[in-house]
Amino acid sequence: MGKNQEKDHNITLKNRKIMNLDGVNEVVSYNEDNIYLKTNLGYLEIKGKNLNIQKLNLESETVKIKGYINNLIYTNKTKEKNFIKRMFK
């Protein structure tokens, strides 16, 4: 794949309760209210209630999430440093 070609990143959401994602490189942080992912197209924050990662395969870059999904927020900035700082306070 050339430098200018982007890998695919796809989301399928069924009834705001089941989400399948392609193009996921890393799970940065995760709890029942927020999941923060690094994708091929930037960082993605998923907000909701009772969120649970059902399937994770970083080799094929796929994730399946269940729970009630309220928001999807894309950003080019990472929250990883803040997450690590909170862990060691």
PDB file of N, CA and C in Angstrom:
ATOM      1  N   MET A   1       0.852  -1.174   0.000  1.00  0.00           N
ATOM      2  CA  MET A   1       0.000   0.000   0.000  1.00  0.00           C
ATOM      3  C   MET A   1       0.892   1.230   0.000  1.00  0.00           C
ATOM      4  N   GLY A   2       0.630   2.194  -0.849  1.00  0.00           N
ATOM      5  CA  GLY A   2       1.433   3.398  -0.966  1.00  0.00           C
ATOM      6  C   GLY A   2       1.249   4.326   0.214  1.00  0.00           C
ATOM      7  N   LYS A   3       2.152   5.303   0.315  1.00  0.00           N
ATOM      8  CA  LYS A   3       2.113   6.241   1.430  1.00  0.00           C
ATOM      9  C   LYS A   3       0.827   7.055   1.461  1.00  0.00           C
ATOM     10  N   ASN A   4       0.260   7.381   0.323  1.00  0.00           N
ATOM     11  CA  ASN A   4      -0.916   8.234   0.257  1.00  0.00           C
ATOM     12  C   ASN A   4      -2.232   7.484   0.390  1.00  0.00           C
ATOM     13  N   GLN A   5      -2.185   6.154   0.412  1.00  0.00           N
ATOM     14  CA  GLN A   5      -3.401   5.371   0.532  1.00  0.00           C
ATOM     15  C   GLN A   5      -3.703   5.110   2.003  1.00  0.00           C
ATOM     16  N   GLU A   6      -4.950   5.330   2.389  1.00  0.00           N
ATOM     17  CA  GLU A   6      -5.375   5.062   3.749  1.00  0.00           C
ATOM     18  C   GLU A   6      -5.997   3.678   3.824  1.00  0.00           C
ATOM     19  N   LYS A   7      -5.812   3.035   4.975  1.00  0.00           N
ATOM     20  CA  LYS A   7      -6.495   1.773   5.216  1.00  0.00           C
ATOM     21  C   LYS A   7      -7.954   2.087   5.543  1.00  0.00           C
ATOM     22  N   ASP A   8      -8.813   1.125   5.319  1.00  0.00           N
ATOM     23  CA  ASP A   8     -10.239   1.313   5.587  1.00  0.00           C
ATOM     24  C   ASP A   8     -10.516   1.390   7.085  1.00  0.00           C
ATOM     25  N   HIS A   9     -11.534   2.149   7.417  1.00  0.00           N
ATOM     26  CA  HIS A   9     -12.074   2.213   8.776  1.00  0.00           C
ATOM     27  C   HIS A   9     -13.581   2.264   8.619  1.00  0.00           C
ATOM     28  N   ASN A  10     -14.260   1.220   9.089  1.00  0.00           N
ATOM     29  CA  ASN A  10     -15.707   1.113   8.933  1.00  0.00           C
ATOM     30  C   ASN A  10     -16.376   0.881  10.276  1.00  0.00           C
ATOM     31  N   ILE A  11     -17.597   1.406  10.403  1.00  0.00           N
ATOM     32  CA  ILE A  11     -18.402   1.199  11.603  1.00  0.00           C
ATOM     33  C   ILE A  11     -19.782   0.718  11.182  1.00  0.00           C
ATOM     34  N   THR A  12     -20.248  -0.321  11.841  1.00  0.00           N
ATOM     35  CA  THR A  12     -21.620  -0.784  11.688  1.00  0.00           C
ATOM     36  C   THR A  12     -22.259  -0.720  13.069  1.00  0.00           C
ATOM     37  N   LEU A  13     -23.375  -0.011  13.178  1.00  0.00           N
ATOM     38  CA  LEU A  13     -24.063   0.154  14.457  1.00  0.00           C
ATOM     39  C   LEU A  13     -25.498  -0.340  14.306  1.00  0.00           C
ATOM     40  N   LYS A  14     -25.877  -1.284  15.167  1.00  0.00           N
ATOM     41  CA  LYS A  14     -27.231  -1.846  15.111  1.00  0.00           C
ATOM     42  C   LYS A  14     -27.995  -1.443  16.373  1.00  0.00           C
ATOM     43  N   ASN A  15     -29.050  -0.643  16.165  1.00  0.00           N
ATOM     44  CA  ASN A  15     -29.957  -0.228  17.241  1.00  0.00           C
ATOM     45  C   ASN A  15     -29.240   0.424  18.425  1.00  0.00           C
ATOM     46  N   ARG A  16     -28.107   1.075  18.169  1.00  0.00           N
ATOM     47  CA  ARG A  16     -27.308   1.739  19.205  1.00  0.00           C
ATOM     48  C   ARG A  16     -26.846   0.782  20.291  1.00  0.00           C
ATOM     49  N   LYS A  17     -26.870  -0.536  20.027  1.00  0.00           N
ATOM     50  CA  LYS A  17     -26.522  -1.520  21.051  1.00  0.00           C
ATOM     51  C   LYS A  17     -25.381  -2.452  20.656  1.00  0.00           C
ATOM     52  N   ILE A  18     -25.158  -2.643  19.367  1.00  0.00           N
ATOM     53  CA  ILE A  18     -24.083  -3.521  18.901  1.00  0.00           C
ATOM     54  C   ILE A  18     -23.299  -2.778  17.833  1.00  0.00           C
ATOM     55  N   MET A  19     -21.990  -2.659  18.055  1.00  0.00           N
ATOM     56  CA  MET A  19     -21.139  -1.939  17.115  1.00  0.00           C
ATOM     57  C   MET A  19     -19.989  -2.840  16.673  1.00  0.00           C
ATOM     58  N   ASN A  20     -19.786  -2.918  15.360  1.00  0.00           N
ATOM     59  CA  ASN A  20     -18.647  -3.615  14.785  1.00  0.00           C
ATOM     60  C   ASN A  20     -17.772  -2.582  14.097  1.00  0.00           C
ATOM     61  N   LEU A  21     -16.464  -2.636  14.362  1.00  0.00           N
ATOM     62  CA  LEU A  21     -15.526  -1.680  13.795  1.00  0.00           C
ATOM     63  C   LEU A  21     -14.394  -2.409  13.106  1.00  0.00           C
ATOM     64  N   ASP A  22     -13.960  -1.869  11.974  1.00  0.00           N
ATOM     65  CA  ASP A  22     -12.754  -2.311  11.268  1.00  0.00           C
ATOM     66  C   ASP A  22     -11.758  -1.164  11.310  1.00  0.00           C
ATOM     67  N   GLY A  23     -10.491  -1.487  11.210  1.00  0.00           N
ATOM     68  CA  GLY A  23      -9.463  -0.450  11.171  1.00  0.00           C
ATOM     69  C   GLY A  23      -9.072   0.055  12.548  1.00  0.00           C
ATOM     70  N   VAL A  24      -9.151  -0.805  13.550  1.00  0.00           N
ATOM     71  CA  VAL A  24      -8.778  -0.438  14.919  1.00  0.00           C
ATOM     72  C   VAL A  24      -7.372  -0.957  15.195  1.00  0.00           C
ATOM     73  N   ASN A  25      -6.477  -0.045  15.609  1.00  0.00           N
ATOM     74  CA  ASN A  25      -5.087  -0.400  15.874  1.00  0.00           C
ATOM     75  C   ASN A  25      -4.816  -0.710  17.341  1.00  0.00           C
ATOM     76  N   GLU A  26      -5.593  -0.083  18.245  1.00  0.00           N
ATOM     77  CA  GLU A  26      -5.275  -0.202  19.671  1.00  0.00           C
ATOM     78  C   GLU A  26      -6.472   0.219  20.511  1.00  0.00           C
ATOM     79  N   VAL A  27      -6.654  -0.448  21.654  1.00  0.00           N
ATOM     80  CA  VAL A  27      -7.591   0.007  22.675  1.00  0.00           C
ATOM     81  C   VAL A  27      -6.757   0.803  23.671  1.00  0.00           C
ATOM     82  N   VAL A  28      -6.962   2.130  23.694  1.00  0.00           N
ATOM     83  CA  VAL A  28      -6.160   3.008  24.544  1.00  0.00           C
ATOM     84  C   VAL A  28      -6.660   2.954  25.982  1.00  0.00           C
ATOM     85  N   SER A  29      -7.987   3.053  26.162  1.00  0.00           N
ATOM     86  CA  SER A  29      -8.579   2.915  27.493  1.00  0.00           C
ATOM     87  C   SER A  29     -10.002   2.389  27.340  1.00  0.00           C
ATOM     88  N   TYR A  30     -10.519   1.847  28.464  1.00  0.00           N
ATOM     89  CA  TYR A  30     -11.805   1.163  28.374  1.00  0.00           C
ATOM     90  C   TYR A  30     -12.425   1.063  29.763  1.00  0.00           C
ATOM     91  N   ASN A  31     -13.686   1.465  29.877  1.00  0.00           N
ATOM     92  CA  ASN A  31     -14.502   1.172  31.049  1.00  0.00           C
ATOM     93  C   ASN A  31     -15.950   1.086  30.581  1.00  0.00           C
ATOM     94  N   GLU A  32     -16.875   0.917  31.488  1.00  0.00           N
ATOM     95  CA  GLU A  32     -18.262   0.679  31.053  1.00  0.00           C
ATOM     96  C   GLU A  32     -18.960   1.914  30.485  1.00  0.00           C
ATOM     97  N   ASP A  33     -18.358   3.095  30.647  1.00  0.00           N
ATOM     98  CA  ASP A  33     -18.956   4.322  30.123  1.00  0.00           C
ATOM     99  C   ASP A  33     -18.210   4.919  28.928  1.00  0.00           C
ATOM    100  N   ASN A  34     -16.934   4.561  28.741  1.00  0.00           N
ATOM    101  CA  ASN A  34     -16.106   5.121  27.667  1.00  0.00           C
ATOM    102  C   ASN A  34     -15.142   4.074  27.123  1.00  0.00           C
ATOM    103  N   ILE A  35     -15.011   4.065  25.817  1.00  0.00           N
ATOM    104  CA  ILE A  35     -13.984   3.264  25.160  1.00  0.00           C
ATOM    105  C   ILE A  35     -13.226   4.210  24.245  1.00  0.00           C
ATOM    106  N   TYR A  36     -11.907   4.205  24.354  1.00  0.00           N
ATOM    107  CA  TYR A  36     -11.068   5.108  23.564  1.00  0.00           C
ATOM    108  C   TYR A  36     -10.161   4.255  22.694  1.00  0.00           C
ATOM    109  N   LEU A  37     -10.318   4.376  21.370  1.00  0.00           N
ATOM    110  CA  LEU A  37      -9.610   3.531  20.407  1.00  0.00           C
ATOM    111  C   LEU A  37      -8.704   4.358  19.514  1.00  0.00           C
ATOM    112  N   LYS A  38      -7.605   3.762  19.086  1.00  0.00           N
ATOM    113  CA  LYS A  38      -6.773   4.341  18.034  1.00  0.00           C
ATOM    114  C   LYS A  38      -7.155   3.614  16.750  1.00  0.00           C
ATOM    115  N   THR A  39      -7.606   4.369  15.741  1.00  0.00           N
ATOM    116  CA  THR A  39      -8.033   3.770  14.480  1.00  0.00           C
ATOM    117  C   THR A  39      -7.103   4.221  13.353  1.00  0.00           C
ATOM    118  N   ASN A  40      -7.324   3.683  12.181  1.00  0.00           N
ATOM    119  CA  ASN A  40      -6.551   4.073  10.995  1.00  0.00           C
ATOM    120  C   ASN A  40      -6.745   5.536  10.630  1.00  0.00           C
ATOM    121  N   LEU A  41      -7.832   6.146  11.105  1.00  0.00           N
ATOM    122  CA  LEU A  41      -8.151   7.531  10.741  1.00  0.00           C
ATOM    123  C   LEU A  41      -8.144   8.479  11.935  1.00  0.00           C
ATOM    124  N   GLY A  42      -7.471   8.117  13.004  1.00  0.00           N
ATOM    125  CA  GLY A  42      -7.400   8.961  14.191  1.00  0.00           C
ATOM    126  C   GLY A  42      -7.960   8.239  15.400  1.00  0.00           C
ATOM    127  N   TYR A  43      -8.125   8.982  16.466  1.00  0.00           N
ATOM    128  CA  TYR A  43      -8.645   8.407  17.711  1.00  0.00           C
ATOM    129  C   TYR A  43     -10.162   8.522  17.735  1.00  0.00           C
ATOM    130  N   LEU A  44     -10.812   7.509  18.328  1.00  0.00           N
ATOM    131  CA  LEU A  44     -12.266   7.457  18.414  1.00  0.00           C
ATOM    132  C   LEU A  44     -12.658   7.205  19.857  1.00  0.00           C
ATOM    133  N   GLU A  45     -13.469   8.111  20.401  1.00  0.00           N
ATOM    134  CA  GLU A  45     -14.017   7.925  21.739  1.00  0.00           C
ATOM    135  C   GLU A  45     -15.477   7.518  21.605  1.00  0.00           C
ATOM    136  N   ILE A  46     -15.826   6.428  22.260  1.00  0.00           N
ATOM    137  CA  ILE A  46     -17.192   5.912  22.250  1.00  0.00           C
ATOM    138  C   ILE A  46     -17.734   6.087  23.663  1.00  0.00           C
ATOM    139  N   LYS A  47     -18.844   6.814  23.788  1.00  0.00           N
ATOM    140  CA  LYS A  47     -19.461   7.046  25.086  1.00  0.00           C
ATOM    141  C   LYS A  47     -20.804   6.335  25.139  1.00  0.00           C
ATOM    142  N   GLY A  48     -21.133   5.789  26.298  1.00  0.00           N
ATOM    143  CA  GLY A  48     -22.400   5.108  26.458  1.00  0.00           C
ATOM    144  C   GLY A  48     -22.551   4.538  27.854  1.00  0.00           C
ATOM    145  N   LYS A  49     -23.364   3.519  27.975  1.00  0.00           N
ATOM    146  CA  LYS A  49     -23.628   2.854  29.253  1.00  0.00           C
ATOM    147  C   LYS A  49     -23.452   1.352  29.074  1.00  0.00           C
ATOM    148  N   ASN A  50     -22.890   0.719  30.071  1.00  0.00           N
ATOM    149  CA  ASN A  50     -22.688  -0.737  30.083  1.00  0.00           C
ATOM    150  C   ASN A  50     -21.919  -1.217  28.855  1.00  0.00           C
ATOM    151  N   LEU A  51     -20.918  -0.446  28.430  1.00  0.00           N
ATOM    152  CA  LEU A  51     -20.129  -0.818  27.251  1.00  0.00           C
ATOM    153  C   LEU A  51     -19.218  -1.986  27.586  1.00  0.00           C
ATOM    154  N   ASN A  52     -19.134  -2.917  26.655  1.00  0.00           N
ATOM    155  CA  ASN A  52     -18.326  -4.115  26.850  1.00  0.00           C
ATOM    156  C   ASN A  52     -17.709  -4.505  25.521  1.00  0.00           C
ATOM    157  N   ILE A  53     -16.410  -4.740  25.506  1.00  0.00           N
ATOM    158  CA  ILE A  53     -15.746  -5.226  24.297  1.00  0.00           C
ATOM    159  C   ILE A  53     -15.964  -6.731  24.224  1.00  0.00           C
ATOM    160  N   GLN A  54     -16.769  -7.154  23.254  1.00  0.00           N
ATOM    161  CA  GLN A  54     -17.111  -8.574  23.093  1.00  0.00           C
ATOM    162  C   GLN A  54     -16.032  -9.342  22.345  1.00  0.00           C
ATOM    163  N   LYS A  55     -15.494  -8.725  21.302  1.00  0.00           N
ATOM    164  CA  LYS A  55     -14.451  -9.366  20.489  1.00  0.00           C
ATOM    165  C   LYS A  55     -13.410  -8.319  20.146  1.00  0.00           C
ATOM    166  N   LEU A  56     -12.149  -8.722  20.219  1.00  0.00           N
ATOM    167  CA  LEU A  56     -11.044  -7.840  19.866  1.00  0.00           C
ATOM    168  C   LEU A  56     -10.009  -8.665  19.132  1.00  0.00           C
ATOM    169  N   ASN A  57      -9.701  -8.268  17.897  1.00  0.00           N
ATOM    170  CA  ASN A  57      -8.658  -8.931  17.119  1.00  0.00           C
ATOM    171  C   ASN A  57      -7.815  -7.845  16.462  1.00  0.00           C
ATOM    172  N   LEU A  58      -6.689  -7.523  17.085  1.00  0.00           N
ATOM    173  CA  LEU A  58      -5.844  -6.453  16.565  1.00  0.00           C
ATOM    174  C   LEU A  58      -5.092  -6.887  15.313  1.00  0.00           C
ATOM    175  N   GLU A  59      -4.953  -8.179  15.116  1.00  0.00           N
ATOM    176  CA  GLU A  59      -4.314  -8.672  13.893  1.00  0.00           C
ATOM    177  C   GLU A  59      -5.160  -8.342  12.668  1.00  0.00           C
ATOM    178  N   SER A  60      -6.468  -8.558  12.780  1.00  0.00           N
ATOM    179  CA  SER A  60      -7.379  -8.216  11.679  1.00  0.00           C
ATOM    180  C   SER A  60      -7.994  -6.826  11.867  1.00  0.00           C
ATOM    181  N   GLU A  61      -7.604  -6.138  12.948  1.00  0.00           N
ATOM    182  CA  GLU A  61      -8.042  -4.767  13.245  1.00  0.00           C
ATOM    183  C   GLU A  61      -9.554  -4.652  13.404  1.00  0.00           C
ATOM    184  N   THR A  62     -10.176  -5.617  14.092  1.00  0.00           N
ATOM    185  CA  THR A  62     -11.624  -5.607  14.283  1.00  0.00           C
ATOM    186  C   THR A  62     -11.985  -5.603  15.771  1.00  0.00           C
ATOM    187  N   VAL A  63     -13.099  -4.937  16.084  1.00  0.00           N
ATOM    188  CA  VAL A  63     -13.618  -4.867  17.449  1.00  0.00           C
ATOM    189  C   VAL A  63     -15.134  -4.965  17.387  1.00  0.00           C
ATOM    190  N   LYS A  64     -15.708  -5.682  18.354  1.00  0.00           N
ATOM    191  CA  LYS A  64     -17.165  -5.735  18.510  1.00  0.00           C
ATOM    192  C   LYS A  64     -17.486  -5.238  19.912  1.00  0.00           C
ATOM    193  N   ILE A  65     -18.383  -4.254  19.997  1.00  0.00           N
ATOM    194  CA  ILE A  65     -18.751  -3.645  21.267  1.00  0.00           C
ATOM    195  C   ILE A  65     -20.254  -3.793  21.475  1.00  0.00           C
ATOM    196  N   LYS A  66     -20.641  -4.157  22.707  1.00  0.00           N
ATOM    197  CA  LYS A  66     -22.059  -4.208  23.083  1.00  0.00           C
ATOM    198  C   LYS A  66     -22.279  -3.242  24.230  1.00  0.00           C
ATOM    199  N   GLY A  67     -23.477  -2.695  24.300  1.00  0.00           N
ATOM    200  CA  GLY A  67     -23.866  -1.741  25.323  1.00  0.00           C
ATOM    201  C   GLY A  67     -24.738  -0.686  24.669  1.00  0.00           C
ATOM    202  N   TYR A  68     -25.107   0.345  25.432  1.00  0.00           N
ATOM    203  CA  TYR A  68     -25.915   1.420  24.865  1.00  0.00           C
ATOM    204  C   TYR A  68     -24.991   2.555  24.461  1.00  0.00           C
ATOM    205  N   ILE A  69     -24.928   2.861  23.178  1.00  0.00           N
ATOM    206  CA  ILE A  69     -23.975   3.821  22.635  1.00  0.00           C
ATOM    207  C   ILE A  69     -24.654   5.179  22.474  1.00  0.00           C
ATOM    208  N   ASN A  70     -24.050   6.199  23.111  1.00  0.00           N
ATOM    209  CA  ASN A  70     -24.588   7.563  23.062  1.00  0.00           C
ATOM    210  C   ASN A  70     -23.849   8.454  22.079  1.00  0.00           C
ATOM    211  N   ASN A  71     -22.516   8.402  22.079  1.00  0.00           N
ATOM    212  CA  ASN A  71     -21.711   9.330  21.273  1.00  0.00           C
ATOM    213  C   ASN A  71     -20.535   8.627  20.624  1.00  0.00           C
ATOM    214  N   LEU A  72     -20.169   9.116  19.444  1.00  0.00           N
ATOM    215  CA  LEU A  72     -18.926   8.743  18.772  1.00  0.00           C
ATOM    216  C   LEU A  72     -18.195  10.047  18.482  1.00  0.00           C
ATOM    217  N   ILE A  73     -16.970  10.168  18.960  1.00  0.00           N
ATOM    218  CA  ILE A  73     -16.213  11.402  18.805  1.00  0.00           C
ATOM    219  C   ILE A  73     -14.839  11.070  18.234  1.00  0.00           C
ATOM    220  N   TYR A  74     -14.526  11.666  17.078  1.00  0.00           N
ATOM    221  CA  TYR A  74     -13.208  11.493  16.468  1.00  0.00           C
ATOM    222  C   TYR A  74     -12.311  12.668  16.830  1.00  0.00           C
ATOM    223  N   THR A  75     -11.034  12.384  17.029  1.00  0.00           N
ATOM    224  CA  THR A  75     -10.044  13.412  17.287  1.00  0.00           C
ATOM    225  C   THR A  75      -8.685  12.934  16.775  1.00  0.00           C
ATOM    226  N   ASN A  76      -7.785  13.863  16.557  1.00  0.00           N
ATOM    227  CA  ASN A  76      -6.423  13.513  16.174  1.00  0.00           C
ATOM    228  C   ASN A  76      -5.493  13.523  17.372  1.00  0.00           C
ATOM    229  N   LYS A  77      -6.025  13.859  18.553  1.00  0.00           N
ATOM    230  CA  LYS A  77      -5.216  13.931  19.767  1.00  0.00           C
ATOM    231  C   LYS A  77      -5.426  12.689  20.607  1.00  0.00           C
ATOM    232  N   THR A  78      -4.393  12.290  21.308  1.00  0.00           N
ATOM    233  CA  THR A  78      -4.473  11.124  22.172  1.00  0.00           C
ATOM    234  C   THR A  78      -4.763  11.538  23.606  1.00  0.00           C
ATOM    235  N   LYS A  79      -5.464  10.699  24.320  1.00  0.00           N
ATOM    236  CA  LYS A  79      -5.690  10.885  25.747  1.00  0.00           C
ATOM    237  C   LYS A  79      -4.796   9.942  26.541  1.00  0.00           C
ATOM    238  N   GLU A  80      -3.924   9.239  25.866  1.00  0.00           N
ATOM    239  CA  GLU A  80      -3.102   8.212  26.502  1.00  0.00           C
ATOM    240  C   GLU A  80      -2.270   8.777  27.654  1.00  0.00           C
ATOM    241  N   LYS A  81      -1.665   9.954  27.471  1.00  0.00           N
ATOM    242  CA  LYS A  81      -0.837  10.530  28.519  1.00  0.00           C
ATOM    243  C   LYS A  81      -1.667  10.850  29.746  1.00  0.00           C
ATOM    244  N   ASN A  82      -2.860  11.416  29.548  1.00  0.00           N
ATOM    245  CA  ASN A  82      -3.727  11.718  30.683  1.00  0.00           C
ATOM    246  C   ASN A  82      -4.155  10.449  31.396  1.00  0.00           C
ATOM    247  N   PHE A  83      -4.426   9.390  30.652  1.00  0.00           N
ATOM    248  CA  PHE A  83      -4.828   8.112  31.222  1.00  0.00           C
ATOM    249  C   PHE A  83      -3.702   7.561  32.093  1.00  0.00           C
ATOM    250  N   ILE A  84      -2.474   7.608  31.609  1.00  0.00           N
ATOM    251  CA  ILE A  84      -1.334   7.105  32.355  1.00  0.00           C
ATOM    252  C   ILE A  84      -1.102   7.953  33.599  1.00  0.00           C
ATOM    253  N   LYS A  85      -1.219   9.270  33.498  1.00  0.00           N
ATOM    254  CA  LYS A  85      -1.054  10.152  34.653  1.00  0.00           C
ATOM    255  C   LYS A  85      -2.069   9.808  35.744  1.00  0.00           C
ATOM    256  N   ARG A  86      -3.328   9.548  35.356  1.00  0.00           N
ATOM    257  CA  ARG A  86      -4.356   9.211  36.340  1.00  0.00           C
ATOM    258  C   ARG A  86      -4.075   7.898  37.031  1.00  0.00           C
ATOM    259  N   MET A  87      -3.494   6.961  36.307  1.00  0.00           N
ATOM    260  CA  MET A  87      -3.203   5.647  36.886  1.00  0.00           C
ATOM    261  C   MET A  87      -2.151   5.739  37.993  1.00  0.00           C
ATOM    262  N   PHE A  88      -1.194   6.655  37.853  1.00  0.00           N
ATOM    263  CA  PHE A  88      -0.080   6.731  38.779  1.00  0.00           C
ATOM    264  C   PHE A  88      -0.200   7.862  39.793  1.00  0.00           C
ATOM    265  N   LYS A  89      -1.369   8.462  39.930  1.00  0.00           N
ATOM    266  CA  LYS A  89      -1.576   9.515  40.950  1.00  0.00           C
ATOM    267  C   LYS A  89      -1.738   8.897  42.307  1.00  0.00           C
TER     268      LYS A  89
END
